[in-house]
Structures are given as C-alpha cells and as structure tokens.
C-alpha cells in the first residue's frame, strides 16, 4: 500500500467532510421515510428507526472514524463505494491515489 501524498491528503480531509454530510443527509431521509410510511404503532416505528440508526452508525464508523494519512485511501475507497462523492470530486485525486483506491475496491469485490 502506498502512502497518500500531501495534496491528496488535503483534498481527502475536505471531501471527507462533504461525504459525511451526504451520508448523514441520506440517513436522515431514511429515518423520515420510516417514520412517514410506518402504519405500525409508535413503538414499532421507534424500533424500526432505532435498528436503522444502529446499522447506519456501524457504516458511518467504518467510513468516517479516525481519518489519518495511513488509512485515508481505505476510507476513500469506502466513501466511493457508498457513492458519496461525484466523479468530478473523485477525479481531483492524483493517479497514484486513484490506482490504490481501485486496487482496494477490486480486492473487496473478490
């Protein structure tokens, strides 16, 4: 695994925040949907929201916790796999970073 270069690290720190906001927006919309579409009791609705948030929190932790240069490329691969960055944002990373991310994603698909 290669280390992330300084310009890519600076970009990652910015886009990490962008992706986090998008992820949280997505989860909030899911919560609204569960709350709005539920015909169950309030308790069942609450349990549905609780379970959803517990699952989404696991994903959030895996993608966004502890961003460091040493794990930035792995986190970036996860962010891309979750479709939290657009092509224009992704294309701003250098070729070495993108190649490393693609390798990580290929390994995960096996």
PDB file of N, CA and C in Angstrom:
ATOM      1  N   UNK A   1       0.839  -1.176   0.000  1.00  0.00           N
ATOM      2  CA  UNK A   1       0.000   0.000   0.000  1.00  0.00           C
ATOM      3  C   UNK A   1       0.888   1.245   0.000  1.00  0.00           C
ATOM      4  N   UNK A   2       0.521   2.219  -0.806  1.00  0.00           N
ATOM      5  CA  UNK A   2       1.298   3.450  -0.852  1.00  0.00           C
ATOM      6  C   UNK A   2       0.707   4.461   0.119  1.00  0.00           C
ATOM      7  N   UNK A   3       1.554   5.346   0.574  1.00  0.00           N
ATOM      8  CA  UNK A   3       1.088   6.429   1.425  1.00  0.00           C
ATOM      9  C   UNK A   3       0.401   7.482   0.573  1.00  0.00           C
ATOM     10  N   UNK A   4      -0.554   8.134   1.161  1.00  0.00           N
ATOM     11  CA  UNK A   4      -1.247   9.191   0.446  1.00  0.00           C
ATOM     12  C   UNK A   4      -0.336  10.418   0.382  1.00  0.00           C
ATOM     13  N   UNK A   5      -0.264  11.035  -0.763  1.00  0.00           N
ATOM     14  CA  UNK A   5       0.564  12.227  -0.933  1.00  0.00           C
ATOM     15  C   UNK A   5      -0.136  13.420  -0.282  1.00  0.00           C
ATOM     16  N   UNK A   6       0.645  14.404   0.109  1.00  0.00           N
ATOM     17  CA  UNK A   6       0.126  15.558   0.840  1.00  0.00           C
ATOM     18  C   UNK A   6      -1.035  16.274   0.132  1.00  0.00           C
ATOM     19  N   UNK A   7      -0.939  16.543  -1.186  1.00  0.00           N
ATOM     20  CA  UNK A   7      -2.083  17.206  -1.836  1.00  0.00           C
ATOM     21  C   UNK A   7      -3.358  16.351  -1.795  1.00  0.00           C
ATOM     22  N   UNK A   8      -3.199  15.046  -1.939  1.00  0.00           N
ATOM     23  CA  UNK A   8      -4.360  14.154  -1.866  1.00  0.00           C
ATOM     24  C   UNK A   8      -4.908  14.097  -0.441  1.00  0.00           C
ATOM     25  N   UNK A   9      -4.033  14.147   0.542  1.00  0.00           N
ATOM     26  CA  UNK A   9      -4.470  14.146   1.935  1.00  0.00           C
ATOM     27  C   UNK A   9      -5.280  15.409   2.244  1.00  0.00           C
ATOM     28  N   UNK A  10      -4.796  16.553   1.768  1.00  0.00           N
ATOM     29  CA  UNK A  10      -5.531  17.809   1.980  1.00  0.00           C
ATOM     30  C   UNK A  10      -6.906  17.750   1.320  1.00  0.00           C
ATOM     31  N   UNK A  11      -6.952  17.235   0.105  1.00  0.00           N
ATOM     32  CA  UNK A  11      -8.228  17.086  -0.600  1.00  0.00           C
ATOM     33  C   UNK A  11      -9.122  16.091   0.126  1.00  0.00           C
ATOM     34  N   UNK A  12      -8.544  14.992   0.577  1.00  0.00           N
ATOM     35  CA  UNK A  12      -9.320  13.990   1.301  1.00  0.00           C
ATOM     36  C   UNK A  12      -9.982  14.598   2.528  1.00  0.00           C
ATOM     37  N   UNK A  13      -9.246  15.389   3.291  1.00  0.00           N
ATOM     38  CA  UNK A  13      -9.808  15.991   4.504  1.00  0.00           C
ATOM     39  C   UNK A  13     -11.023  16.862   4.174  1.00  0.00           C
ATOM     40  N   UNK A  14     -10.976  17.561   3.075  1.00  0.00           N
ATOM     41  CA  UNK A  14     -12.118  18.397   2.661  1.00  0.00           C
ATOM     42  C   UNK A  14     -13.284  17.515   2.234  1.00  0.00           C
ATOM     43  N   UNK A  15     -13.008  16.567   1.331  1.00  0.00           N
ATOM     44  CA  UNK A  15     -14.084  15.734   0.781  1.00  0.00           C
ATOM     45  C   UNK A  15     -14.613  14.730   1.800  1.00  0.00           C
ATOM     46  N   UNK A  16     -13.823  14.396   2.786  1.00  0.00           N
ATOM     47  CA  UNK A  16     -14.289  13.547   3.882  1.00  0.00           C
ATOM     48  C   UNK A  16     -15.472  14.226   4.578  1.00  0.00           C
ATOM     49  N   UNK A  17     -15.345  15.516   4.832  1.00  0.00           N
ATOM     50  CA  UNK A  17     -16.435  16.268   5.446  1.00  0.00           C
ATOM     51  C   UNK A  17     -17.658  16.366   4.551  1.00  0.00           C
ATOM     52  N   UNK A  18     -17.428  16.546   3.262  1.00  0.00           N
ATOM     53  CA  UNK A  18     -18.525  16.604   2.290  1.00  0.00           C
ATOM     54  C   UNK A  18     -19.268  15.270   2.281  1.00  0.00           C
ATOM     55  N   UNK A  19     -18.505  14.189   2.221  1.00  0.00           N
ATOM     56  CA  UNK A  19     -19.113  12.851   2.193  1.00  0.00           C
ATOM     57  C   UNK A  19     -19.864  12.547   3.487  1.00  0.00           C
ATOM     58  N   UNK A  20     -19.330  12.983   4.604  1.00  0.00           N
ATOM     59  CA  UNK A  20     -20.006  12.771   5.885  1.00  0.00           C
ATOM     60  C   UNK A  20     -21.362  13.476   5.908  1.00  0.00           C
ATOM     61  N   UNK A  21     -21.405  14.702   5.432  1.00  0.00           N
ATOM     62  CA  UNK A  21     -22.679  15.429   5.366  1.00  0.00           C
ATOM     63  C   UNK A  21     -23.671  14.711   4.453  1.00  0.00           C
ATOM     64  N   UNK A  22     -23.204  14.221   3.321  1.00  0.00           N
ATOM     65  CA  UNK A  22     -24.088  13.497   2.393  1.00  0.00           C
ATOM     66  C   UNK A  22     -24.601  12.211   3.009  1.00  0.00           C
ATOM     67  N   UNK A  23     -23.723  11.512   3.721  1.00  0.00           N
ATOM     68  CA  UNK A  23     -24.151  10.278   4.363  1.00  0.00           C
ATOM     69  C   UNK A  23     -25.214  10.567   5.415  1.00  0.00           C
ATOM     70  N   UNK A  24     -24.972  11.563   6.238  1.00  0.00           N
ATOM     71  CA  UNK A  24     -25.936  11.912   7.287  1.00  0.00           C
ATOM     72  C   UNK A  24     -27.261  12.373   6.684  1.00  0.00           C
ATOM     73  N   UNK A  25     -27.200  13.124   5.599  1.00  0.00           N
ATOM     74  CA  UNK A  25     -28.430  13.532   4.913  1.00  0.00           C
ATOM     75  C   UNK A  25     -29.201  12.307   4.429  1.00  0.00           C
ATOM     76  N   UNK A  26     -28.499  11.363   3.855  1.00  0.00           N
ATOM     77  CA  UNK A  26     -29.122  10.135   3.367  1.00  0.00           C
ATOM     78  C   UNK A  26     -29.813   9.385   4.502  1.00  0.00           C
ATOM     79  N   UNK A  27     -29.127   9.269   5.628  1.00  0.00           N
ATOM     80  CA  UNK A  27     -29.688   8.548   6.770  1.00  0.00           C
ATOM     81  C   UNK A  27     -30.906   9.282   7.322  1.00  0.00           C
ATOM     82  N   UNK A  28     -30.823  10.595   7.424  1.00  0.00           N
ATOM     83  CA  UNK A  28     -31.967  11.378   7.918  1.00  0.00           C
ATOM     84  C   UNK A  28     -33.173  11.168   7.000  1.00  0.00           C
ATOM     85  N   UNK A  29     -32.951  11.134   5.703  1.00  0.00           N
ATOM     86  CA  UNK A  29     -34.053  10.897   4.758  1.00  0.00           C
ATOM     87  C   UNK A  29     -34.637   9.494   4.951  1.00  0.00           C
ATOM     88  N   UNK A  30     -33.777   8.523   5.224  1.00  0.00           N
ATOM     89  CA  UNK A  30     -34.263   7.169   5.506  1.00  0.00           C
ATOM     90  C   UNK A  30     -35.112   7.140   6.774  1.00  0.00           C
ATOM     91  N   UNK A  31     -34.658   7.848   7.800  1.00  0.00           N
ATOM     92  CA  UNK A  31     -35.414   7.914   9.051  1.00  0.00           C
ATOM     93  C   UNK A  31     -36.779   8.551   8.806  1.00  0.00           C
ATOM     94  N   UNK A  32     -36.802   9.636   8.050  1.00  0.00           N
ATOM     95  CA  UNK A  32     -38.080  10.297   7.722  1.00  0.00           C
ATOM     96  C   UNK A  32     -39.007   9.335   6.999  1.00  0.00           C
ATOM     97  N   UNK A  33     -38.440   8.584   6.079  1.00  0.00           N
ATOM     98  CA  UNK A  33     -39.242   7.637   5.312  1.00  0.00           C
ATOM     99  C   UNK A  33     -39.832   6.562   6.211  1.00  0.00           C
ATOM    100  N   UNK A  34     -39.024   6.026   7.108  1.00  0.00           N
ATOM    101  CA  UNK A  34     -39.514   5.006   8.036  1.00  0.00           C
ATOM    102  C   UNK A  34     -40.624   5.595   8.904  1.00  0.00           C
ATOM    103  N   UNK A  35     -40.423   6.793   9.388  1.00  0.00           N
ATOM    104  CA  UNK A  35     -41.413   7.430  10.259  1.00  0.00           C
ATOM    105  C   UNK A  35     -42.695   7.753   9.503  1.00  0.00           C
ATOM    106  N   UNK A  36     -42.558   8.229   8.273  1.00  0.00           N
ATOM    107  CA  UNK A  36     -43.731   8.641   7.492  1.00  0.00           C
ATOM    108  C   UNK A  36     -44.526   7.461   6.942  1.00  0.00           C
ATOM    109  N   UNK A  37     -43.846   6.392   6.586  1.00  0.00           N
ATOM    110  CA  UNK A  37     -44.511   5.280   5.914  1.00  0.00           C
ATOM    111  C   UNK A  37     -44.971   4.184   6.857  1.00  0.00           C
ATOM    112  N   UNK A  38     -44.634   4.301   8.102  1.00  0.00           N
ATOM    113  CA  UNK A  38     -44.978   3.248   9.048  1.00  0.00           C
ATOM    114  C   UNK A  38     -46.453   3.311   9.416  1.00  0.00           C
ATOM    115  N   UNK A  39     -47.109   2.173   9.318  1.00  0.00           N
ATOM    116  CA  UNK A  39     -48.508   2.081   9.753  1.00  0.00           C
ATOM    117  C   UNK A  39     -48.584   1.303  11.068  1.00  0.00           C
ATOM    118  N   UNK A  40     -47.412   1.019  11.616  1.00  0.00           N
ATOM    119  CA  UNK A  40     -47.342   0.283  12.869  1.00  0.00           C
ATOM    120  C   UNK A  40     -47.576   1.233  14.043  1.00  0.00           C
ATOM    121  N   UNK A  41     -47.465   0.693  15.207  1.00  0.00           N
ATOM    122  CA  UNK A  41     -47.580   1.514  16.414  1.00  0.00           C
ATOM    123  C   UNK A  41     -46.357   2.434  16.512  1.00  0.00           C
ATOM    124  N   UNK A  42     -46.463   3.440  17.345  1.00  0.00           N
ATOM    125  CA  UNK A  42     -45.320   4.324  17.563  1.00  0.00           C
ATOM    126  C   UNK A  42     -44.117   3.543  18.080  1.00  0.00           C
ATOM    127  N   UNK A  43     -44.387   2.565  18.907  1.00  0.00           N
ATOM    128  CA  UNK A  43     -43.288   1.766  19.431  1.00  0.00           C
ATOM    129  C   UNK A  43     -42.605   0.991  18.318  1.00  0.00           C
ATOM    130  N   UNK A  44     -43.386   0.373  17.429  1.00  0.00           N
ATOM    131  CA  UNK A  44     -42.790  -0.357  16.306  1.00  0.00           C
ATOM    132  C   UNK A  44     -42.017   0.591  15.389  1.00  0.00           C
ATOM    133  N   UNK A  45     -42.558   1.782  15.187  1.00  0.00           N
ATOM    134  CA  UNK A  45     -41.863   2.779  14.370  1.00  0.00           C
ATOM    135  C   UNK A  45     -40.549   3.168  15.028  1.00  0.00           C
ATOM    136  N   UNK A  46     -40.598   3.391  16.325  1.00  0.00           N
ATOM    137  CA  UNK A  46     -39.397   3.719  17.082  1.00  0.00           C
ATOM    138  C   UNK A  46     -38.355   2.611  16.938  1.00  0.00           C
ATOM    139  N   UNK A  47     -38.778   1.376  17.095  1.00  0.00           N
ATOM    140  CA  UNK A  47     -37.847   0.252  16.975  1.00  0.00           C
ATOM    141  C   UNK A  47     -37.248   0.179  15.571  1.00  0.00           C
ATOM    142  N   UNK A  48     -38.075   0.440  14.563  1.00  0.00           N
ATOM    143  CA  UNK A  48     -37.572   0.444  13.186  1.00  0.00           C
ATOM    144  C   UNK A  48     -36.513   1.510  12.980  1.00  0.00           C
ATOM    145  N   UNK A  49     -36.772   2.697  13.520  1.00  0.00           N
ATOM    146  CA  UNK A  49     -35.802   3.790  13.407  1.00  0.00           C
ATOM    147  C   UNK A  49     -34.536   3.455  14.199  1.00  0.00           C
ATOM    148  N   UNK A  50     -34.707   2.914  15.380  1.00  0.00           N
ATOM    149  CA  UNK A  50     -33.561   2.533  16.216  1.00  0.00           C
ATOM    150  C   UNK A  50     -32.673   1.526  15.494  1.00  0.00           C
ATOM    151  N   UNK A  51     -33.269   0.494  14.925  1.00  0.00           N
ATOM    152  CA  UNK A  51     -32.489  -0.529  14.228  1.00  0.00           C
ATOM    153  C   UNK A  51     -31.798   0.047  12.997  1.00  0.00           C
ATOM    154  N   UNK A  52     -32.495   0.905  12.276  1.00  0.00           N
ATOM    155  CA  UNK A  52     -31.906   1.558  11.107  1.00  0.00           C
ATOM    156  C   UNK A  52     -30.692   2.385  11.522  1.00  0.00           C
ATOM    157  N   UNK A  53     -30.857   3.194  12.561  1.00  0.00           N
ATOM    158  CA  UNK A  53     -29.759   4.047  13.004  1.00  0.00           C
ATOM    159  C   UNK A  53     -28.579   3.229  13.535  1.00  0.00           C
ATOM    160  N   UNK A  54     -28.875   2.147  14.216  1.00  0.00           N
ATOM    161  CA  UNK A  54     -27.788   1.303  14.720  1.00  0.00           C
ATOM    162  C   UNK A  54     -26.979   0.742  13.548  1.00  0.00           C
ATOM    163  N   UNK A  55     -27.663   0.280  12.517  1.00  0.00           N
ATOM    164  CA  UNK A  55     -26.972  -0.262  11.342  1.00  0.00           C
ATOM    165  C   UNK A  55     -26.199   0.835  10.595  1.00  0.00           C
ATOM    166  N   UNK A  56     -26.833   1.975  10.398  1.00  0.00           N
ATOM    167  CA  UNK A  56     -26.170   3.066   9.683  1.00  0.00           C
ATOM    168  C   UNK A  56     -24.992   3.614  10.478  1.00  0.00           C
ATOM    169  N   UNK A  57     -25.089   3.580  11.810  1.00  0.00           N
ATOM    170  CA  UNK A  57     -23.994   4.052  12.642  1.00  0.00           C
ATOM    171  C   UNK A  57     -22.765   3.165  12.477  1.00  0.00           C
ATOM    172  N   UNK A  58     -22.955   1.872  12.299  1.00  0.00           N
ATOM    173  CA  UNK A  58     -21.829   0.959  12.063  1.00  0.00           C
ATOM    174  C   UNK A  58     -21.127   1.343  10.760  1.00  0.00           C
ATOM    175  N   UNK A  59     -21.924   1.614   9.733  1.00  0.00           N
ATOM    176  CA  UNK A  59     -21.353   2.020   8.449  1.00  0.00           C
ATOM    177  C   UNK A  59     -20.624   3.349   8.593  1.00  0.00           C
ATOM    178  N   UNK A  60     -21.256   4.297   9.275  1.00  0.00           N
ATOM    179  CA  UNK A  60     -20.652   5.609   9.479  1.00  0.00           C
ATOM    180  C   UNK A  60     -19.299   5.467  10.174  1.00  0.00           C
ATOM    181  N   UNK A  61     -19.244   4.663  11.213  1.00  0.00           N
ATOM    182  CA  UNK A  61     -17.990   4.475  11.944  1.00  0.00           C
ATOM    183  C   UNK A  61     -16.907   3.884  11.050  1.00  0.00           C
ATOM    184  N   UNK A  62     -17.273   2.907  10.248  1.00  0.00           N
ATOM    185  CA  UNK A  62     -16.299   2.265   9.374  1.00  0.00           C
ATOM    186  C   UNK A  62     -15.753   3.172   8.292  1.00  0.00           C
ATOM    187  N   UNK A  63     -16.547   4.128   7.882  1.00  0.00           N
ATOM    188  CA  UNK A  63     -16.140   5.019   6.795  1.00  0.00           C
ATOM    189  C   UNK A  63     -15.495   6.308   7.301  1.00  0.00           C
ATOM    190  N   UNK A  64     -15.973   6.822   8.422  1.00  0.00           N
ATOM    191  CA  UNK A  64     -15.597   8.177   8.807  1.00  0.00           C
ATOM    192  C   UNK A  64     -14.770   8.298  10.084  1.00  0.00           C
ATOM    193  N   UNK A  65     -14.710   7.265  10.900  1.00  0.00           N
ATOM    194  CA  UNK A  65     -13.951   7.379  12.143  1.00  0.00           C
ATOM    195  C   UNK A  65     -12.449   7.299  11.885  1.00  0.00           C
ATOM    196  N   UNK A  66     -11.711   8.091  12.629  1.00  0.00           N
ATOM    197  CA  UNK A  66     -10.260   8.040  12.670  1.00  0.00           C
ATOM    198  C   UNK A  66      -9.578   8.259  11.316  1.00  0.00           C
ATOM    199  N   UNK A  67      -9.904   9.352  10.628  1.00  0.00           N
ATOM    200  CA  UNK A  67      -9.208   9.619   9.363  1.00  0.00           C
ATOM    201  C   UNK A  67      -7.755  10.039   9.621  1.00  0.00           C
ATOM    202  N   UNK A  68      -6.857   9.267   9.077  1.00  0.00           N
ATOM    203  CA  UNK A  68      -5.419   9.521   9.189  1.00  0.00           C
ATOM    204  C   UNK A  68      -4.799   9.276   7.825  1.00  0.00           C
ATOM    205  N   UNK A  69      -3.653   9.861   7.568  1.00  0.00           N
ATOM    206  CA  UNK A  69      -2.998   9.593   6.290  1.00  0.00           C
ATOM    207  C   UNK A  69      -2.782   8.100   6.044  1.00  0.00           C
ATOM    208  N   UNK A  70      -2.532   7.351   7.105  1.00  0.00           N
ATOM    209  CA  UNK A  70      -2.237   5.921   6.941  1.00  0.00           C
ATOM    210  C   UNK A  70      -3.456   5.099   6.536  1.00  0.00           C
ATOM    211  N   UNK A  71      -4.665   5.590   6.770  1.00  0.00           N
ATOM    212  CA  UNK A  71      -5.855   4.830   6.366  1.00  0.00           C
ATOM    213  C   UNK A  71      -6.760   5.603   5.405  1.00  0.00           C
ATOM    214  N   UNK A  72      -6.280   6.746   4.926  1.00  0.00           N
ATOM    215  CA  UNK A  72      -7.103   7.610   4.074  1.00  0.00           C
ATOM    216  C   UNK A  72      -7.547   6.915   2.782  1.00  0.00           C
ATOM    217  N   UNK A  73      -6.672   6.148   2.167  1.00  0.00           N
ATOM    218  CA  UNK A  73      -7.037   5.516   0.896  1.00  0.00           C
ATOM    219  C   UNK A  73      -8.083   4.427   1.096  1.00  0.00           C
ATOM    220  N   UNK A  74      -8.013   3.722   2.198  1.00  0.00           N
ATOM    221  CA  UNK A  74      -9.030   2.707   2.508  1.00  0.00           C
ATOM    222  C   UNK A  74     -10.367   3.400   2.777  1.00  0.00           C
ATOM    223  N   UNK A  75     -10.337   4.485   3.538  1.00  0.00           N
ATOM    224  CA  UNK A  75     -11.568   5.233   3.800  1.00  0.00           C
ATOM    225  C   UNK A  75     -12.120   5.837   2.514  1.00  0.00           C
ATOM    226  N   UNK A  76     -11.238   6.343   1.660  1.00  0.00           N
ATOM    227  CA  UNK A  76     -11.683   6.900   0.390  1.00  0.00           C
ATOM    228  C   UNK A  76     -12.367   5.835  -0.461  1.00  0.00           C
ATOM    229  N   UNK A  77     -11.824   4.643  -0.486  1.00  0.00           N
ATOM    230  CA  UNK A  77     -12.464   3.553  -1.227  1.00  0.00           C
ATOM    231  C   UNK A  77     -13.862   3.296  -0.682  1.00  0.00           C
ATOM    232  N   UNK A  78     -14.012   3.306   0.623  1.00  0.00           N
ATOM    233  CA  UNK A  78     -15.331   3.091   1.234  1.00  0.00           C
ATOM    234  C   UNK A  78     -16.292   4.221   0.893  1.00  0.00           C
ATOM    235  N   UNK A  79     -15.807   5.434   0.913  1.00  0.00           N
ATOM    236  CA  UNK A  79     -16.635   6.589   0.572  1.00  0.00           C
ATOM    237  C   UNK A  79     -17.119   6.478  -0.869  1.00  0.00           C
ATOM    238  N   UNK A  80     -16.227   6.085  -1.751  1.00  0.00           N
ATOM    239  CA  UNK A  80     -16.596   5.933  -3.164  1.00  0.00           C
ATOM    240  C   UNK A  80     -17.585   4.783  -3.330  1.00  0.00           C
ATOM    241  N   UNK A  81     -17.355   3.680  -2.648  1.00  0.00           N
ATOM    242  CA  UNK A  81     -18.269   2.536  -2.735  1.00  0.00           C
ATOM    243  C   UNK A  81     -19.666   2.896  -2.231  1.00  0.00           C
ATOM    244  N   UNK A  82     -19.748   3.796  -1.290  1.00  0.00           N
ATOM    245  CA  UNK A  82     -21.051   4.251  -0.781  1.00  0.00           C
ATOM    246  C   UNK A  82     -21.664   5.338  -1.668  1.00  0.00           C
ATOM    247  N   UNK A  83     -20.983   5.673  -2.756  1.00  0.00           N
ATOM    248  CA  UNK A  83     -21.468   6.663  -3.719  1.00  0.00           C
ATOM    249  C   UNK A  83     -21.703   8.024  -3.058  1.00  0.00           C
ATOM    250  N   UNK A  84     -20.717   8.459  -2.280  1.00  0.00           N
ATOM    251  CA  UNK A  84     -20.835   9.712  -1.543  1.00  0.00           C
ATOM    252  C   UNK A  84     -20.041  10.851  -2.171  1.00  0.00           C
ATOM    253  N   UNK A  85     -19.308  10.560  -3.234  1.00  0.00           N
ATOM    254  CA  UNK A  85     -18.597  11.589  -3.988  1.00  0.00           C
ATOM    255  C   UNK A  85     -18.975  11.463  -5.448  1.00  0.00           C
ATOM    256  N   UNK A  86     -19.011  12.591  -6.136  1.00  0.00           N
ATOM    257  CA  UNK A  86     -19.300  12.544  -7.568  1.00  0.00           C
ATOM    258  C   UNK A  86     -17.997  12.387  -8.359  1.00  0.00           C
ATOM    259  N   UNK A  87     -18.145  12.141  -9.631  1.00  0.00           N
ATOM    260  CA  UNK A  87     -16.980  11.888 -10.490  1.00  0.00           C
ATOM    261  C   UNK A  87     -16.014  13.065 -10.508  1.00  0.00           C
ATOM    262  N   UNK A  88     -16.544  14.269 -10.516  1.00  0.00           N
ATOM    263  CA  UNK A  88     -15.681  15.457 -10.527  1.00  0.00           C
ATOM    264  C   UNK A  88     -14.823  15.520  -9.264  1.00  0.00           C
ATOM    265  N   UNK A  89     -15.423  15.214  -8.132  1.00  0.00           N
ATOM    266  CA  UNK A  89     -14.683  15.225  -6.870  1.00  0.00           C
ATOM    267  C   UNK A  89     -13.624  14.125  -6.854  1.00  0.00           C
ATOM    268  N   UNK A  90     -13.989  12.948  -7.290  1.00  0.00           N
ATOM    269  CA  UNK A  90     -13.050  11.822  -7.304  1.00  0.00           C
ATOM    270  C   UNK A  90     -11.871  12.105  -8.237  1.00  0.00           C
ATOM    271  N   UNK A  91     -12.159  12.722  -9.373  1.00  0.00           N
ATOM    272  CA  UNK A  91     -11.114  12.967 -10.373  1.00  0.00           C
ATOM    273  C   UNK A  91     -10.062  13.975  -9.919  1.00  0.00           C
ATOM    274  N   UNK A  92     -10.301  14.650  -8.826  1.00  0.00           N
ATOM    275  CA  UNK A  92      -9.318  15.608  -8.313  1.00  0.00           C
ATOM    276  C   UNK A  92      -8.129  14.918  -7.633  1.00  0.00           C
ATOM    277  N   UNK A  93      -8.290  13.649  -7.274  1.00  0.00           N
ATOM    278  CA  UNK A  93      -7.192  12.920  -6.651  1.00  0.00           C
ATOM    279  C   UNK A  93      -6.160  12.550  -7.704  1.00  0.00           C
ATOM    280  N   UNK A  94      -4.937  12.411  -7.256  1.00  0.00           N
ATOM    281  CA  UNK A  94      -3.849  12.061  -8.156  1.00  0.00           C
ATOM    282  C   UNK A  94      -3.967  10.627  -8.655  1.00  0.00           C
ATOM    283  N   UNK A  95      -3.260  10.306  -9.743  1.00  0.00           N
ATOM    284  CA  UNK A  95      -3.355   8.967 -10.334  1.00  0.00           C
ATOM    285  C   UNK A  95      -2.907   7.853  -9.399  1.00  0.00           C
ATOM    286  N   UNK A  96      -1.893   8.090  -8.582  1.00  0.00           N
ATOM    287  CA  UNK A  96      -1.442   7.046  -7.652  1.00  0.00           C
ATOM    288  C   UNK A  96      -2.509   6.736  -6.612  1.00  0.00           C
ATOM    289  N   UNK A  97      -3.148   7.780  -6.106  1.00  0.00           N
ATOM    290  CA  UNK A  97      -4.214   7.583  -5.110  1.00  0.00           C
ATOM    291  C   UNK A  97      -5.378   6.832  -5.741  1.00  0.00           C
ATOM    292  N   UNK A  98      -5.762   7.229  -6.936  1.00  0.00           N
ATOM    293  CA  UNK A  98      -6.887   6.576  -7.608  1.00  0.00           C
ATOM    294  C   UNK A  98      -6.572   5.120  -7.936  1.00  0.00           C
ATOM    295  N   UNK A  99      -5.340   4.851  -8.316  1.00  0.00           N
ATOM    296  CA  UNK A  99      -4.935   3.469  -8.607  1.00  0.00           C
ATOM    297  C   UNK A  99      -4.984   2.626  -7.332  1.00  0.00           C
ATOM    298  N   UNK A 100      -4.514   3.184  -6.227  1.00  0.00           N
ATOM    299  CA  UNK A 100      -4.547   2.456  -4.952  1.00  0.00           C
ATOM    300  C   UNK A 100      -5.981   2.196  -4.513  1.00  0.00           C
ATOM    301  N   UNK A 101      -6.837   3.188  -4.673  1.00  0.00           N
ATOM    302  CA  UNK A 101      -8.251   3.030  -4.309  1.00  0.00           C
ATOM    303  C   UNK A 101      -8.902   1.958  -5.165  1.00  0.00           C
ATOM    304  N   UNK A 102      -8.625   1.963  -6.446  1.00  0.00           N
ATOM    305  CA  UNK A 102      -9.186   0.947  -7.339  1.00  0.00           C
ATOM    306  C   UNK A 102      -8.709  -0.446  -6.947  1.00  0.00           C
ATOM    307  N   UNK A 103      -7.456  -0.562  -6.555  1.00  0.00           N
ATOM    308  CA  UNK A 103      -6.935  -1.859  -6.097  1.00  0.00           C
ATOM    309  C   UNK A 103      -7.674  -2.330  -4.848  1.00  0.00           C
ATOM    310  N   UNK A 104      -7.899  -1.441  -3.922  1.00  0.00           N
ATOM    311  CA  UNK A 104      -8.636  -1.776  -2.696  1.00  0.00           C
ATOM    312  C   UNK A 104     -10.039  -2.258  -3.045  1.00  0.00           C
ATOM    313  N   UNK A 105     -10.683  -1.555  -3.943  1.00  0.00           N
ATOM    314  CA  UNK A 105     -12.049  -1.914  -4.323  1.00  0.00           C
ATOM    315  C   UNK A 105     -12.087  -3.250  -5.065  1.00  0.00           C
ATOM    316  N   UNK A 106     -11.084  -3.520  -5.883  1.00  0.00           N
ATOM    317  CA  UNK A 106     -11.025  -4.821  -6.580  1.00  0.00           C
ATOM    318  C   UNK A 106     -10.880  -5.951  -5.586  1.00  0.00           C
ATOM    319  N   UNK A 107     -10.020  -5.777  -4.617  1.00  0.00           N
ATOM    320  CA  UNK A 107      -9.807  -6.802  -3.593  1.00  0.00           C
ATOM    321  C   UNK A 107     -11.111  -7.060  -2.829  1.00  0.00           C
ATOM    322  N   UNK A 108     -11.839  -6.023  -2.506  1.00  0.00           N
ATOM    323  CA  UNK A 108     -13.098  -6.163  -1.765  1.00  0.00           C
ATOM    324  C   UNK A 108     -14.173  -6.890  -2.573  1.00  0.00           C
ATOM    325  N   UNK A 109     -14.135  -6.764  -3.881  1.00  0.00           N
ATOM    326  CA  UNK A 109     -15.147  -7.400  -4.719  1.00  0.00           C
ATOM    327  C   UNK A 109     -14.939  -8.905  -4.848  1.00  0.00           C
ATOM    328  N   UNK A 110     -13.767  -9.371  -4.503  1.00  0.00           N
ATOM    329  CA  UNK A 110     -13.470 -10.813  -4.636  1.00  0.00           C
ATOM    330  C   UNK A 110     -14.250 -11.631  -3.670  1.00  0.00           C
TER     331      UNK A 110
END
